[in-house]
Protein backbone atom coordinates (compact mmCIF):
# COMPACT_ATOMS: atom_id res chain seq x y z
CA MET A 1 -85.04 46.66 -49.68
CA SER A 2 -85.20 48.55 -46.28
CA LEU A 3 -81.86 50.25 -45.59
CA PRO A 4 -80.38 52.08 -42.44
CA ILE A 5 -81.35 55.72 -42.48
CA LEU A 6 -78.48 58.19 -41.53
CA TYR A 7 -79.45 61.68 -40.55
CA SER A 8 -76.36 63.72 -41.27
CA PHE A 9 -75.10 67.43 -41.77
CA ARG A 10 -72.28 67.69 -44.47
CA ARG A 11 -69.84 69.99 -42.48
CA CYS A 12 -70.34 68.34 -39.05
CA PRO A 13 -67.07 66.54 -38.03
CA TYR A 14 -69.14 64.09 -36.05
CA ALA A 15 -71.28 63.32 -39.12
CA MET A 16 -68.21 63.23 -41.25
CA ARG A 17 -66.44 60.56 -39.44
CA ALA A 18 -69.72 58.30 -39.42
CA ARG A 19 -70.13 58.81 -43.03
CA MET A 20 -66.58 58.03 -43.62
CA ALA A 21 -66.74 54.64 -41.65
CA ILE A 22 -70.21 53.80 -43.43
CA GLY A 23 -68.27 54.40 -46.77
CA ALA A 24 -65.39 52.29 -45.88
CA SER A 25 -67.68 49.47 -44.72
CA GLY A 26 -69.32 49.20 -48.18
CA ILE A 27 -72.79 49.46 -46.41
CA ARG A 28 -75.38 51.74 -48.10
CA VAL A 29 -77.69 53.82 -46.20
CA GLN A 30 -80.46 56.24 -46.86
CA LEU A 31 -78.97 59.59 -46.32
CA ARG A 32 -81.04 62.50 -44.90
CA GLU A 33 -79.16 65.83 -44.95
CA VAL A 34 -80.43 68.23 -42.06
CA VAL A 35 -80.75 71.72 -41.77
CA LEU A 36 -79.70 72.15 -38.07
CA ARG A 37 -81.93 75.40 -37.65
CA SER A 38 -85.05 73.46 -39.06
CA LYS A 39 -84.59 69.96 -37.92
CA PRO A 40 -87.04 67.46 -39.31
CA VAL A 41 -89.77 66.02 -37.02
CA ALA A 42 -88.63 62.34 -38.08
CA LEU A 43 -85.09 63.14 -36.69
CA LEU A 44 -86.47 64.46 -33.34
CA GLU A 45 -88.87 61.46 -33.04
CA ALA A 46 -86.00 59.06 -33.51
CA SER A 47 -83.60 61.04 -31.40
CA PRO A 48 -84.82 63.91 -29.22
CA LYS A 49 -81.30 65.19 -28.48
CA GLY A 50 -81.68 66.68 -32.11
CA THR A 51 -78.00 66.34 -33.12
CA VAL A 52 -76.34 64.55 -35.80
CA PRO A 53 -75.49 62.05 -36.84
CA VAL A 54 -78.18 59.49 -36.04
CA LEU A 55 -78.60 56.11 -37.56
CA VAL A 56 -81.82 54.35 -37.64
CA LEU A 57 -81.58 50.57 -38.45
CA PRO A 58 -84.24 48.66 -40.28
CA ASP A 59 -85.36 46.93 -37.11
CA GLY A 60 -86.08 50.22 -35.42
CA ARG A 61 -82.96 50.68 -33.43
CA VAL A 62 -81.37 53.96 -33.12
CA ILE A 63 -77.71 54.64 -32.82
CA GLU A 64 -77.12 58.16 -31.69
CA GLN A 65 -73.32 58.68 -31.27
CA SER A 66 -70.76 59.02 -33.97
CA LEU A 67 -68.34 56.51 -32.67
CA ASP A 68 -70.97 54.10 -32.20
CA ILE A 69 -71.95 54.43 -35.78
CA MET A 70 -68.45 53.89 -36.76
CA GLN A 71 -68.08 50.82 -34.82
CA TRP A 72 -71.32 49.34 -35.76
CA ALA A 73 -70.55 49.87 -39.70
CA LEU A 74 -67.10 48.56 -39.54
CA GLN A 75 -68.17 45.53 -37.25
CA GLN A 76 -70.63 44.68 -40.10
CA HIS A 77 -67.92 44.86 -42.76
CA ASP A 78 -64.26 46.07 -42.67
CA PRO A 79 -62.69 45.47 -46.07
CA MET A 80 -59.96 48.26 -45.55
CA GLY A 81 -58.93 46.99 -42.26
CA TRP A 82 -59.69 50.03 -40.21
CA LEU A 83 -60.57 48.39 -36.95
CA PRO A 84 -57.66 47.47 -34.43
CA THR A 85 -56.45 43.80 -34.76
CA SER A 86 -55.31 43.45 -31.12
CA GLY A 87 -56.67 44.38 -27.82
CA ASN A 88 -53.78 46.67 -26.90
CA ALA A 89 -54.17 48.50 -30.34
CA GLU A 90 -58.02 48.86 -29.68
CA ALA A 91 -57.27 50.44 -26.28
CA GLY A 92 -54.61 52.77 -27.52
CA ALA A 93 -56.84 53.92 -30.47
CA LYS A 94 -59.94 54.41 -28.08
CA ALA A 95 -57.76 56.49 -25.52
CA LEU A 96 -56.39 58.51 -28.47
CA VAL A 97 -60.05 59.31 -29.79
CA HIS A 98 -61.13 60.02 -26.21
CA ARG A 99 -58.65 62.66 -25.85
CA CYS A 100 -59.69 64.10 -29.02
CA ASP A 101 -63.48 64.31 -28.14
CA VAL A 102 -62.89 65.22 -24.32
CA GLU A 103 -59.77 67.42 -24.30
CA PHE A 104 -59.19 68.75 -27.94
CA LYS A 105 -62.73 69.44 -29.12
CA PRO A 106 -63.58 71.94 -26.40
CA HIS A 107 -60.42 74.03 -27.13
CA LEU A 108 -61.40 73.69 -30.96
CA ASP A 109 -64.77 75.30 -30.21
CA ARG A 110 -63.55 78.19 -28.14
CA TYR A 111 -60.74 78.73 -30.73
CA LYS A 112 -63.21 78.86 -33.55
CA TYR A 113 -66.03 80.53 -31.81
CA PRO A 114 -64.81 82.63 -28.88
CA ASN A 115 -67.80 84.84 -28.91
CA ARG A 116 -70.03 81.92 -27.98
CA TYR A 117 -68.12 81.52 -24.83
CA HIS A 118 -67.71 85.15 -23.97
CA LEU A 119 -63.99 85.36 -24.71
CA ALA A 120 -62.21 88.26 -26.23
CA ASP A 121 -60.45 85.96 -28.55
CA GLY A 122 -59.47 82.14 -29.09
CA GLN A 123 -55.67 82.55 -28.59
CA ALA A 124 -55.50 80.61 -25.44
CA SER A 125 -57.68 77.94 -26.50
CA ARG A 126 -55.55 77.69 -29.84
CA ALA A 127 -52.60 77.22 -27.73
CA GLU A 128 -54.23 74.30 -25.68
CA GLY A 129 -55.38 72.50 -28.63
CA ALA A 130 -52.07 72.97 -30.38
CA ALA A 131 -50.53 70.71 -27.64
CA PHE A 132 -52.83 67.74 -28.58
CA LEU A 133 -51.69 68.47 -32.30
CA ARG A 134 -48.07 68.35 -31.49
CA ALA A 135 -48.75 64.99 -29.78
CA LEU A 136 -50.37 63.81 -32.97
CA ASP A 137 -47.60 65.08 -34.93
CA HIS A 138 -44.96 63.26 -32.55
CA ARG A 139 -46.97 60.05 -33.04
CA LEU A 140 -46.89 60.39 -36.79
CA GLN A 141 -43.09 60.84 -36.98
CA ALA A 142 -42.41 57.00 -37.67
CA PRO A 143 -45.53 55.48 -38.90
CA PRO A 144 -47.55 57.76 -41.48
CA PHE A 145 -50.84 57.06 -39.67
CA LEU A 146 -52.06 57.01 -36.07
CA GLN A 147 -52.24 53.21 -35.73
CA GLY A 148 -49.45 52.16 -38.06
CA PRO A 149 -48.73 51.98 -41.82
CA ALA A 150 -52.42 52.34 -43.04
CA TRP A 151 -55.42 54.60 -42.35
CA SER A 152 -57.42 53.41 -39.59
CA TRP A 153 -60.44 54.00 -37.57
CA ALA A 154 -58.61 56.51 -35.15
CA ASP A 155 -57.38 58.47 -38.27
CA ALA A 156 -60.97 58.82 -39.56
CA ALA A 157 -62.41 59.62 -36.23
CA ILE A 158 -59.79 62.51 -35.45
CA ALA A 159 -59.15 63.92 -38.69
CA PRO A 160 -62.29 66.04 -39.20
CA PHE A 161 -61.56 67.84 -36.05
CA VAL A 162 -57.96 68.47 -36.85
CA ARG A 163 -59.07 69.71 -40.36
CA GLN A 164 -61.66 72.25 -38.70
CA PHE A 165 -58.69 73.47 -36.41
CA ALA A 166 -56.52 73.80 -39.32
CA HIS A 167 -59.06 75.75 -41.47
CA THR A 168 -59.68 78.24 -38.70
CA ASP A 169 -56.60 80.19 -39.54
CA PRO A 170 -54.94 78.35 -42.38
CA THR A 171 -51.77 80.77 -42.54
CA TRP A 172 -50.99 80.22 -38.50
CA PHE A 173 -51.60 76.42 -38.97
CA ALA A 174 -49.06 76.06 -42.02
CA ALA A 175 -46.54 78.11 -40.11
CA GLN A 176 -46.19 75.71 -37.29
CA ASP A 177 -43.44 72.89 -36.97
CA TRP A 178 -45.56 69.92 -37.39
CA GLN A 179 -44.87 68.69 -40.80
CA ALA A 180 -45.86 65.01 -40.22
CA LEU A 181 -49.18 66.37 -39.29
CA VAL A 182 -49.60 68.63 -42.31
CA HIS A 183 -48.62 65.67 -44.52
CA TRP A 184 -51.22 63.42 -42.65
CA LEU A 185 -53.99 65.94 -43.04
CA ALA A 186 -53.26 66.55 -46.71
CA SER A 187 -53.33 63.07 -47.27
CA PHE A 188 -56.66 62.84 -45.62
CA GLU A 189 -58.00 65.60 -47.70
CA ALA A 190 -56.85 63.97 -51.00
CA SER A 191 -58.33 60.66 -50.28
CA ASP A 192 -61.01 59.26 -52.35
CA PHE A 193 -63.24 58.48 -49.03
CA PHE A 194 -62.97 61.97 -48.01
CA LYS A 195 -64.25 63.07 -51.39
CA VAL A 196 -67.03 60.60 -50.99
CA CYS A 197 -67.92 61.71 -47.73
CA MET A 198 -68.11 65.38 -48.71
CA ALA A 199 -70.54 64.96 -51.58
CA VAL A 200 -73.18 67.60 -51.56
CA PHE A 201 -76.81 66.33 -50.93
CA PRO A 202 -80.12 68.55 -50.98
CA PRO A 203 -81.59 68.95 -47.56
CA TRP A 204 -83.99 66.20 -46.90
CA GLN A 205 -88.06 66.81 -46.73
CA PRO A 206 -90.57 64.26 -45.92
CA GLY A 207 -91.94 62.85 -49.20
CA ASP A 208 -88.58 63.30 -50.93
CA THR A 209 -87.18 60.50 -53.18
CA ALA A 210 -84.54 58.36 -51.28
CA VAL A 211 -80.94 59.65 -51.42
CA PHE A 212 -78.41 56.90 -51.05
CA TYR A 213 -74.90 57.07 -49.57
CA PRO A 214 -72.41 56.34 -51.01
CA ALA A 215 -74.03 57.57 -54.10
CA THR A 216 -72.58 54.76 -56.23
């Protein structure tokens, strides 16, 4: 049976959120783990931009953006109820994820990799990124998750980036006054769907036996 093909890179937060949504949907795909310094020709033929994730559907359609992959998977099947159930909730979730991608992610990159941006250090970017995290912490004070009492699409879309920020300097992160955020991140890292998402797969080469995700 022909299955969608997902080009992925285990540590990429964009690929992580795509894999989590696919796992939550119950859809199986062929997973092709990519080595970013040696991208396979098949990936570049499907998506010349050469970034992951990329989902190639059996009918030949290509979905190149992580959020679009998440939406595609969950619209096929959403047994865990990750998608918003009202227009207002959907608009709020999309606005929050947009802020993560457009505002927070650039600060995260400069904090984690200051040399790439010709910065002496990432302290100013850390402070800017922390403003977004404090907003998340405030949002998490009453409900335990970003869209209410249960894990959702917005949580899955944002958590991989918060995790990357937290792991840049774990001591500093743990010392901040955002206990709701810390608890939310810990619950994410302890979840079964995160563990499934972070399974290790060998780099794909043409001719390899198909690797399926989720594995079971």
